[in-house]
Amino acid sequence: MRRSSRERKTVEFYTAEPAISIRRSSNSAVVSSSEDEDSSDEETHHHKQKRTIASKQSSRSKSSTAPARKKTKKASSSNASVIAKCRSKNVIFHAIVSNKSLPATVDKWYTSFSENNVSAMATLVNSLLLASGSRDDCIDEGMDLEGLDSSELEEVLTDMVSDVKDEQRNRLLGSKKKTSKANVSNDDVGYSYPLGTSERKSNSFRVHFQSFWNILLNKVLTLQQQQSSKKLNLNTIPMRLLLSLAEILMALSNLSSLPSLRDTVTEALLQLTVTILTVCVLPLRTQITASKRQSSAVSGGEGGGGSAKLNAIQAIQKKAEQSLEHYQNLVSTIFNTIFVHRYKDHFAVIRTTCAHYLGQFMLADPEKFLDDTYLKYLGWLANDSATSVRRAVVTSLVTVLTDTTLPEVVRVAQRMKEFSERFIDRWVEMAVGDLDEEVSFNMIRVMREFQR
């Protein structure tokens, strides 16, 4: 398949970002990823804002005017209009739109994947493209995405992204007849798409989208745990689906110069990470701790049959440790390949998504993520010029600091002490001088929690 010059530019634009490859074999799966960025680049990761009381009052007076409210209403109706104009009959997409029978849709899709993985995977990826603004299916049901090597997959996805991008650019030009084509940049998001809106909470489609992926991933990971009850098996249908899906989604994210598609794929991948942490990592870690206690009790006891029982416990522990390592590697791959690039994306909605999910990571796995290695990203995002991003940051901090379900052994405040002191100047600025009242109010709550 021969690429046009435009398509080659798309690939070249993203070669600056580390490539991701997940190699599958009959007995193993190897996940490779880029390393995290050096902390010495901190100043390049954010843009400091200097605010005054006068500008704060001026901004509030502007935000309270009637035209601003009309604009929000118009954006919402435009979003609904895009969904209504979808010409595809994709069952997943329409189930998300209606928010009806999502569990049944997931069950039916998984059954179809077990019977015909080619057609089922095409349906799933098409639903992502429709959520990104496409009006038609872009992938033929007979295209075997799982069977392609990395270069072939890159070529197919590049062509697919170009088609969606052209369609959305034409839609943008059609809605703005007075705007010349030269003034429409490749990264302009002047069009509406189902997942897109300035406020995450006000977009019902995004909420339904999250629910679908949460249900699907819970089913896949639960089945994988059941099918690998005796030993780690990476050649099961659930694991093959998980690895193939992660590979395709990360390839789409790295190749796409289309903001709406990056937004959609980032949402799916970060939801995947949360589900892995809650369904696999935490239970496995608990199981390992329990196995160690049982081993100590058996080895210290007396009586016949102790050796056989000890061997059985150690076998269970070994399997759990292997599984835990595998899932932690996949989480690290997604974080280093997706999050460390998307949290500084030029599209504010994507940065907001990253700030939101980082808080979810900390709740799901505080032992790992309540560390300065990850907390620093919230500090950098706190300097963002977009109000939605700063809101997501303080909301994540409040949620983590006030969560009563976290075990006492985690010692949240103590773990966050160095982080709170490192960014203390920024916290004070946000509390007393942020342009958004919600940010200021929640930042005061955060600072009170820091002092406890």
Protein backbone atom coordinates (compact mmCIF):
# COMPACT_ATOMS: atom_id res chain seq x y z
CA MET A 1 0.00 0.00 0.00
CA ARG A 2 1.52 3.31 -1.02
CA ARG A 3 1.24 6.36 1.19
CA SER A 4 0.68 9.89 0.07
CA SER A 5 2.99 12.72 1.16
CA ARG A 6 0.32 13.88 3.59
CA GLU A 7 0.25 10.48 5.29
CA ARG A 8 4.04 10.40 5.54
CA LYS A 9 3.94 13.76 7.30
CA THR A 10 1.53 12.33 9.84
CA VAL A 11 3.92 9.50 10.63
CA GLU A 12 6.95 11.78 10.77
CA PHE A 13 5.17 14.13 13.18
CA TYR A 14 4.85 11.36 15.73
CA THR A 15 8.24 9.71 15.32
CA ALA A 16 9.42 12.19 17.94
CA GLU A 17 7.41 10.22 20.48
CA PRO A 18 8.74 6.83 21.63
CA ALA A 19 7.29 3.89 19.76
CA ILE A 20 5.43 1.11 21.52
CA SER A 21 5.56 -2.55 20.65
CA ILE A 22 3.92 -5.50 22.31
CA ARG A 23 5.27 -8.74 20.91
CA ARG A 24 3.03 -11.76 21.32
CA SER A 25 4.16 -15.37 21.19
CA SER A 26 2.68 -18.68 22.12
CA ASN A 27 4.22 -18.74 25.58
CA SER A 28 5.01 -15.16 26.47
CA ALA A 29 4.19 -11.53 25.93
CA VAL A 30 6.88 -8.90 26.06
CA VAL A 31 5.93 -5.31 26.68
CA SER A 32 8.43 -2.57 25.88
CA SER A 33 8.06 1.09 26.67
CA SER A 34 9.85 4.41 26.87
CA GLU A 35 11.40 5.63 30.10
CA ASP A 36 10.00 8.50 32.12
CA GLU A 37 11.37 11.96 31.49
CA ASP A 38 14.11 13.45 33.62
CA SER A 39 12.88 15.68 36.41
CA SER A 40 15.29 18.40 35.34
CA ASP A 41 12.82 19.29 32.56
CA GLU A 42 10.27 20.48 35.14
CA GLU A 43 10.25 24.07 33.95
CA THR A 44 9.39 23.00 30.40
CA HIS A 45 6.39 20.99 31.52
CA HIS A 46 4.28 23.92 32.61
CA HIS A 47 3.65 27.59 32.12
CA LYS A 48 3.50 29.77 35.23
CA GLN A 49 0.55 32.12 35.54
CA LYS A 50 0.76 35.46 37.30
CA ARG A 51 -2.67 36.63 38.36
CA THR A 52 -3.83 39.78 40.09
CA ILE A 53 -6.99 40.56 42.03
CA ALA A 54 -8.01 43.01 39.32
CA SER A 55 -7.79 40.40 36.57
CA LYS A 56 -9.64 37.94 38.80
CA GLN A 57 -12.56 40.33 39.22
CA SER A 58 -12.54 41.17 35.53
CA SER A 59 -12.65 37.51 34.53
CA ARG A 60 -15.50 36.75 36.90
CA SER A 61 -17.57 39.61 35.51
CA LYS A 62 -17.02 38.33 31.97
CA SER A 63 -17.83 34.72 32.84
CA SER A 64 -21.15 35.74 34.38
CA THR A 65 -22.52 37.37 31.23
CA ALA A 66 -25.40 35.86 29.25
CA PRO A 67 -23.48 35.22 25.99
CA ALA A 68 -21.16 32.77 27.78
CA ARG A 69 -24.12 30.66 28.91
CA LYS A 70 -25.58 30.62 25.39
CA LYS A 71 -22.28 29.44 24.00
CA THR A 72 -22.20 26.45 26.36
CA LYS A 73 -25.75 25.51 25.41
CA LYS A 74 -24.91 25.70 21.74
CA ALA A 75 -21.89 23.43 22.17
CA SER A 76 -24.04 20.84 23.93
CA SER A 77 -26.68 20.80 21.18
CA SER A 78 -23.94 20.58 18.56
CA ASN A 79 -22.55 17.51 20.31
CA ALA A 80 -25.97 15.81 20.22
CA SER A 81 -26.34 16.74 16.56
CA VAL A 82 -23.09 14.98 15.67
CA ILE A 83 -24.29 11.77 17.33
CA ALA A 84 -27.63 11.98 15.51
CA LYS A 85 -25.89 12.32 12.13
CA CYS A 86 -23.87 9.12 12.55
CA ARG A 87 -24.56 6.83 9.60
CA SER A 88 -22.98 3.71 11.06
CA LYS A 89 -25.02 0.88 12.61
CA ASN A 90 -22.18 -0.05 14.98
CA VAL A 91 -23.89 -1.83 17.89
CA ILE A 92 -21.28 -0.77 20.47
CA PHE A 93 -21.46 2.90 19.58
CA HIS A 94 -25.26 3.01 19.67
CA ALA A 95 -25.34 1.07 22.95
CA ILE A 96 -23.05 3.72 24.46
CA VAL A 97 -25.24 6.51 23.07
CA SER A 98 -28.42 5.03 24.52
CA ASN A 99 -26.72 3.71 27.68
CA LYS A 100 -28.99 0.67 27.51
CA SER A 101 -27.96 -2.95 28.10
CA LEU A 102 -24.23 -2.21 28.25
CA PRO A 103 -23.46 -5.47 30.14
CA ALA A 104 -25.47 -7.45 27.58
CA THR A 105 -23.67 -5.65 24.74
CA VAL A 106 -20.30 -6.52 26.30
CA ASP A 107 -21.29 -10.18 26.73
CA LYS A 108 -22.50 -10.41 23.15
CA TRP A 109 -19.37 -8.73 21.80
CA TYR A 110 -17.04 -10.98 23.81
CA THR A 111 -18.86 -14.05 22.52
CA SER A 112 -18.45 -12.78 18.96
CA PHE A 113 -14.74 -12.16 19.62
CA SER A 114 -14.35 -15.76 20.77
CA GLU A 115 -15.99 -16.97 17.55
CA ASN A 116 -14.60 -14.41 15.06
CA ASN A 117 -11.93 -12.15 16.54
CA VAL A 118 -11.30 -10.34 13.23
CA SER A 119 -14.82 -8.99 12.81
CA ALA A 120 -15.27 -8.28 16.54
CA MET A 121 -12.04 -6.28 16.81
CA ALA A 122 -12.98 -4.24 13.74
CA THR A 123 -16.33 -3.44 15.37
CA LEU A 124 -14.65 -2.31 18.60
CA VAL A 125 -12.08 -0.08 16.88
CA ASN A 126 -14.79 1.39 14.63
CA SER A 127 -16.73 2.37 17.76
CA LEU A 128 -13.68 4.35 18.91
CA LEU A 129 -13.49 6.15 15.58
CA LEU A 130 -17.20 6.96 15.71
CA ALA A 131 -16.74 8.37 19.22
CA SER A 132 -13.95 10.52 17.75
CA GLY A 133 -16.27 12.10 15.19
CA SER A 134 -16.38 9.75 12.22
CA ARG A 135 -19.83 9.24 10.68
CA ASP A 136 -19.10 5.88 9.04
CA ASP A 137 -17.16 2.71 9.81
CA CYS A 138 -13.55 3.06 8.65
CA ILE A 139 -12.41 -0.55 9.06
CA ASP A 140 -13.78 -3.40 7.01
CA GLU A 141 -15.03 -6.35 9.07
CA GLY A 142 -12.62 -8.65 7.23
CA MET A 143 -9.47 -6.71 8.16
CA ASP A 144 -7.36 -8.69 10.62
CA LEU A 145 -5.82 -6.00 12.82
CA GLU A 146 -4.36 -8.58 15.20
CA GLY A 147 -2.56 -10.38 12.39
CA LEU A 148 -0.64 -7.32 11.18
CA ASP A 149 2.95 -6.68 12.18
CA SER A 150 3.93 -3.29 13.60
CA SER A 151 4.77 -1.67 10.22
CA GLU A 152 1.58 -2.95 8.55
CA LEU A 153 -0.53 -1.86 11.52
CA GLU A 154 1.07 1.58 11.38
CA GLU A 155 0.25 1.92 7.69
CA VAL A 156 -3.37 0.84 8.12
CA LEU A 157 -3.94 3.10 11.12
CA THR A 158 -2.27 6.05 9.38
CA ASP A 159 -4.62 5.71 6.40
CA MET A 160 -7.59 5.35 8.74
CA VAL A 161 -6.68 8.43 10.79
CA SER A 162 -6.17 10.43 7.58
CA ASP A 163 -9.68 9.51 6.40
CA VAL A 164 -11.28 10.58 9.68
CA LYS A 165 -9.21 13.75 9.76
CA ASP A 166 -10.20 14.72 6.20
CA GLU A 167 -13.86 14.15 7.01
CA GLN A 168 -13.71 16.35 10.09
CA ARG A 169 -11.72 19.08 8.35
CA ASN A 170 -14.29 19.15 5.55
CA ARG A 171 -17.04 19.38 8.15
CA LEU A 172 -15.22 22.25 9.83
CA LEU A 173 -14.74 24.08 6.53
CA GLY A 174 -18.39 23.55 5.67
CA SER A 175 -19.58 25.01 8.97
CA LYS A 176 -17.26 28.01 8.63
CA LYS A 177 -17.62 29.12 5.04
CA LYS A 178 -15.93 32.42 5.73
CA THR A 179 -12.81 30.70 7.04
CA SER A 180 -10.19 30.06 4.40
CA LYS A 181 -8.66 26.58 4.18
CA ALA A 182 -5.23 28.02 4.90
CA ASN A 183 -6.38 29.21 8.28
CA VAL A 184 -7.54 25.76 9.40
CA SER A 185 -4.56 24.10 11.06
CA ASN A 186 -4.09 20.35 11.41
CA ASP A 187 -4.67 20.61 15.15
CA ASP A 188 -7.73 22.86 15.08
CA VAL A 189 -10.65 21.37 16.99
CA GLY A 190 -13.43 23.53 15.66
CA TYR A 191 -15.73 20.56 15.07
CA SER A 192 -17.86 18.66 17.56
CA TYR A 193 -17.49 14.97 18.30
CA PRO A 194 -19.45 12.71 20.69
CA LEU A 195 -16.78 12.48 23.39
CA GLY A 196 -15.77 16.13 23.20
CA THR A 197 -16.91 18.90 25.52
CA SER A 198 -15.20 21.50 27.67
CA GLU A 199 -16.51 19.94 30.89
CA ARG A 200 -16.14 16.20 31.52
CA LYS A 201 -19.06 16.02 33.98
CA SER A 202 -21.53 17.59 31.53
CA ASN A 203 -20.92 15.04 28.77
CA SER A 204 -23.23 12.07 29.23
CA PHE A 205 -21.66 10.24 26.28
CA ARG A 206 -18.26 10.31 28.01
CA VAL A 207 -19.82 8.86 31.16
CA HIS A 208 -21.47 6.07 29.14
CA PHE A 209 -18.20 5.52 27.26
CA GLN A 210 -16.36 5.06 30.55
CA SER A 211 -19.02 2.62 31.76
CA PHE A 212 -18.74 0.48 28.64
CA TRP A 213 -14.96 0.19 28.87
CA ASN A 214 -15.09 -0.48 32.58
CA ILE A 215 -17.59 -3.32 32.09
CA LEU A 216 -15.66 -4.79 29.15
CA LEU A 217 -12.27 -4.68 30.86
CA ASN A 218 -13.65 -6.04 34.12
CA LYS A 219 -15.05 -9.02 32.22
CA VAL A 220 -11.81 -9.65 30.29
CA LEU A 221 -9.53 -9.40 33.32
CA THR A 222 -11.82 -11.46 35.55
CA LEU A 223 -11.94 -14.24 32.95
CA GLN A 224 -8.16 -14.11 32.64
CA GLN A 225 -7.76 -14.50 36.39
CA GLN A 226 -10.11 -17.49 36.38
CA GLN A 227 -8.41 -19.18 33.42
CA SER A 228 -4.98 -18.69 35.01
CA SER A 229 -5.98 -19.98 38.43
CA LYS A 230 -3.15 -22.54 38.65
CA LYS A 231 -0.38 -20.85 36.68
CA LEU A 232 0.12 -17.70 34.61
CA ASN A 233 -1.18 -18.35 31.12
CA LEU A 234 -0.63 -15.62 28.54
CA ASN A 235 -2.13 -17.61 25.67
CA THR A 236 -5.77 -17.38 26.71
CA ILE A 237 -8.46 -15.54 24.76
CA PRO A 238 -8.82 -12.78 27.40
CA MET A 239 -5.07 -12.11 27.51
CA ARG A 240 -4.78 -12.15 23.72
CA LEU A 241 -7.60 -9.63 23.58
CA LEU A 242 -6.03 -7.45 26.26
CA LEU A 243 -2.60 -7.30 24.60
CA SER A 244 -3.98 -6.80 21.09
CA LEU A 245 -6.28 -4.03 22.27
CA ALA A 246 -3.49 -2.27 24.17
CA GLU A 247 -1.21 -2.46 21.12
CA ILE A 248 -3.82 -1.04 18.74
CA LEU A 249 -4.88 1.76 21.11
CA MET A 250 -1.32 2.86 21.83
CA ALA A 251 -0.50 2.80 18.12
CA LEU A 252 -3.55 4.99 17.42
CA SER A 253 -2.53 7.45 20.11
CA ASN A 254 1.06 7.75 18.91
CA LEU A 255 0.13 8.06 15.24
CA SER A 256 -2.81 10.40 15.50
CA SER A 257 -2.47 14.12 14.88
CA LEU A 258 -6.23 14.23 15.34
CA PRO A 259 -7.08 15.65 18.80
CA SER A 260 -10.49 13.99 19.02
CA LEU A 261 -9.01 10.55 18.40
CA ARG A 262 -6.20 11.14 20.90
CA ASP A 263 -8.85 12.14 23.43
CA THR A 264 -10.93 9.00 22.81
CA VAL A 265 -7.98 6.61 22.88
CA THR A 266 -6.47 8.25 25.98
CA GLU A 267 -9.78 7.85 27.81
CA ALA A 268 -9.94 4.14 26.92
CA LEU A 269 -6.31 3.40 27.80
CA LEU A 270 -6.37 5.19 31.15
CA GLN A 271 -9.64 3.43 32.03
CA LEU A 272 -7.86 0.19 31.14
CA THR A 273 -5.10 1.10 33.60
CA VAL A 274 -7.55 1.76 36.44
CA THR A 275 -9.29 -1.56 35.80
CA ILE A 276 -5.99 -3.48 35.80
CA LEU A 277 -5.07 -1.90 39.12
CA THR A 278 -8.39 -2.64 40.81
CA VAL A 279 -9.17 -6.08 39.33
CA CYS A 280 -5.66 -7.57 39.13
CA VAL A 281 -2.88 -5.70 40.89
CA LEU A 282 -4.46 -5.12 44.31
CA PRO A 283 -6.00 -8.62 44.68
CA LEU A 284 -2.72 -10.24 43.60
CA ARG A 285 -0.74 -8.14 46.06
CA THR A 286 -3.15 -9.13 48.84
CA GLN A 287 -2.85 -12.78 47.82
CA ILE A 288 0.95 -12.63 47.94
CA THR A 289 0.89 -11.11 51.42
CA ALA A 290 -1.51 -13.82 52.64
CA SER A 291 0.63 -16.58 51.08
CA LYS A 292 3.73 -15.30 52.86
CA ARG A 293 1.91 -15.37 56.18
CA GLN A 294 0.66 -18.90 55.55
CA SER A 295 4.15 -20.04 54.57
CA SER A 296 5.57 -18.65 57.80
CA ALA A 297 2.85 -20.33 59.85
CA VAL A 298 3.28 -23.72 58.14
CA SER A 299 7.09 -23.70 58.22
CA GLY A 300 7.04 -22.82 61.92
CA GLY A 301 4.52 -25.52 62.84
CA GLU A 302 4.95 -29.19 63.51
CA GLY A 303 3.24 -32.33 62.27
CA GLY A 304 3.10 -34.50 59.17
CA GLY A 305 2.11 -33.19 55.76
CA GLY A 306 3.60 -29.75 56.44
CA SER A 307 6.07 -29.99 53.55
CA ALA A 308 3.39 -30.74 50.95
CA LYS A 309 1.19 -27.93 52.20
CA LEU A 310 4.12 -25.51 52.17
CA ASN A 311 4.96 -26.44 48.57
CA ALA A 312 1.35 -25.81 47.52
CA ILE A 313 1.32 -22.39 49.18
CA GLN A 314 4.63 -21.43 47.61
CA ALA A 315 3.37 -22.50 44.17
CA ILE A 316 0.33 -20.23 44.55
CA GLN A 317 2.57 -17.38 45.70
CA LYS A 318 4.92 -17.83 42.73
CA LYS A 319 2.04 -17.75 40.26
CA ALA A 320 0.64 -14.60 41.90
CA GLU A 321 4.05 -12.89 41.77
CA GLN A 322 4.44 -13.70 38.07
CA SER A 323 0.97 -12.37 37.30
CA LEU A 324 1.57 -9.23 39.37
CA GLU A 325 4.82 -8.50 37.54
CA HIS A 326 3.11 -8.93 34.18
CA TYR A 327 0.25 -6.54 34.98
CA GLN A 328 2.56 -3.97 36.59
CA ASN A 329 4.71 -3.97 33.45
CA LEU A 330 1.63 -3.32 31.33
CA VAL A 331 0.57 -0.45 33.61
CA SER A 332 4.07 1.06 33.42
CA THR A 333 4.03 0.75 29.63
CA ILE A 334 0.74 2.62 29.30
CA PHE A 335 1.85 5.31 31.74
CA ASN A 336 5.26 5.90 30.14
CA THR A 337 3.97 5.69 26.56
CA ILE A 338 0.66 7.51 26.88
CA PHE A 339 0.37 9.55 30.05
CA VAL A 340 3.79 11.25 29.99
CA HIS A 341 2.98 12.60 26.52
CA ARG A 342 -0.74 13.27 26.83
CA TYR A 343 -0.59 15.23 30.10
CA LYS A 344 1.12 18.02 28.14
CA ASP A 345 -1.04 17.66 25.01
CA HIS A 346 -2.01 20.98 23.42
CA PHE A 347 -5.68 19.91 23.68
CA ALA A 348 -6.96 20.94 27.14
CA VAL A 349 -9.59 18.17 27.35
CA ILE A 350 -6.85 15.53 27.12
CA ARG A 351 -4.79 17.22 29.85
CA THR A 352 -7.93 17.30 31.99
CA THR A 353 -8.45 13.59 31.40
CA CYS A 354 -4.89 12.88 32.52
CA ALA A 355 -5.30 14.91 35.73
CA HIS A 356 -8.54 13.08 36.50
CA TYR A 357 -7.17 9.59 35.96
CA LEU A 358 -3.96 10.23 37.87
CA GLY A 359 -6.14 10.74 40.93
CA GLN A 360 -7.90 7.47 40.14
CA PHE A 361 -4.54 5.69 39.91
CA MET A 362 -3.64 6.97 43.37
CA LEU A 363 -6.90 5.70 44.82
CA ALA A 364 -6.60 2.33 43.09
CA ASP A 365 -2.94 1.71 43.97
CA PRO A 366 -1.73 4.17 46.63
CA GLU A 367 1.30 2.03 47.42
CA LYS A 368 2.78 2.82 44.01
CA PHE A 369 1.23 6.09 42.86
CA LEU A 370 1.32 8.07 46.12
CA ASP A 371 4.95 8.79 45.43
CA ASP A 372 6.72 11.91 44.20
CA THR A 373 7.50 10.09 40.95
CA TYR A 374 3.80 10.41 40.05
CA LEU A 375 2.61 13.21 42.35
CA LYS A 376 4.85 15.72 40.57
CA TYR A 377 2.61 15.52 37.48
CA LEU A 378 -0.26 16.97 39.50
CA GLY A 379 2.05 19.80 40.59
CA TRP A 380 3.00 20.55 37.02
CA LEU A 381 -0.62 20.37 35.81
CA ALA A 382 -1.61 22.79 38.59
CA ASN A 383 0.12 25.51 36.54
CA ASP A 384 -2.06 24.87 33.50
CA SER A 385 -3.74 27.86 31.89
CA ALA A 386 -6.97 25.88 31.30
CA THR A 387 -9.46 26.10 34.16
CA SER A 388 -10.75 22.58 33.53
CA VAL A 389 -7.27 21.15 34.07
CA ARG A 390 -6.72 23.01 37.36
CA ARG A 391 -10.15 21.90 38.54
CA ALA A 392 -9.28 18.28 37.79
CA VAL A 393 -6.01 18.64 39.72
CA VAL A 394 -7.58 20.01 42.92
CA THR A 395 -10.48 17.54 42.63
CA SER A 396 -8.01 14.65 42.46
CA LEU A 397 -6.10 15.99 45.46
CA VAL A 398 -9.25 16.48 47.53
CA THR A 399 -10.51 13.01 46.61
CA VAL A 400 -7.26 11.31 47.62
CA LEU A 401 -6.73 13.31 50.81
CA THR A 402 -10.29 12.83 52.09
CA ASP A 403 -10.85 9.22 51.01
CA THR A 404 -11.75 7.12 54.05
CA THR A 405 -11.44 3.74 52.33
CA LEU A 406 -7.67 3.89 52.00
CA PRO A 407 -5.97 1.71 54.64
CA GLU A 408 -4.29 3.52 57.54
CA VAL A 409 -0.97 1.91 56.67
CA VAL A 410 -0.87 4.03 53.50
CA ARG A 411 -0.42 7.25 55.55
CA VAL A 412 -1.54 9.55 52.75
CA ALA A 413 -0.53 12.86 54.36
CA GLN A 414 2.93 11.57 55.21
CA ARG A 415 3.48 10.25 51.69
CA MET A 416 2.43 13.60 50.22
CA LYS A 417 4.50 15.76 52.61
CA GLU A 418 7.46 16.26 50.29
CA PHE A 419 5.12 16.89 47.36
CA SER A 420 3.07 19.48 49.28
CA GLU A 421 6.20 21.36 50.37
CA ARG A 422 7.71 21.28 46.87
CA PHE A 423 4.73 23.08 45.32
CA ILE A 424 3.67 25.18 48.35
CA ASP A 425 4.03 28.48 46.49
CA ARG A 426 1.71 27.28 43.75
CA TRP A 427 -0.86 26.03 46.28
CA VAL A 428 -0.96 29.45 47.93
CA GLU A 429 -1.36 31.19 44.56
CA MET A 430 -4.29 28.95 43.65
CA ALA A 431 -5.96 29.34 47.03
CA VAL A 432 -5.90 33.15 47.14
CA GLY A 433 -5.68 34.27 43.52
CA ASP A 434 -6.99 31.69 41.05
CA LEU A 435 -9.41 33.00 38.45
CA ASP A 436 -11.85 30.19 39.17
CA GLU A 437 -13.72 30.19 42.49
CA GLU A 438 -14.13 26.41 42.53
CA VAL A 439 -10.37 25.95 42.18
CA SER A 440 -9.66 28.41 45.00
CA PHE A 441 -12.24 26.84 47.32
CA ASN A 442 -11.00 23.28 46.80
CA MET A 443 -7.37 24.36 47.07
CA ILE A 444 -8.09 25.75 50.54
CA ARG A 445 -9.51 22.34 51.46
CA VAL A 446 -6.39 20.68 50.12
CA MET A 447 -4.09 22.91 52.14
CA ARG A 448 -6.06 22.16 55.30
CA GLU A 449 -5.66 18.47 54.66
CA PHE A 450 -1.93 18.93 54.09
CA GLN A 451 -1.62 20.51 57.53
CA ARG A 452 -3.24 17.57 59.37
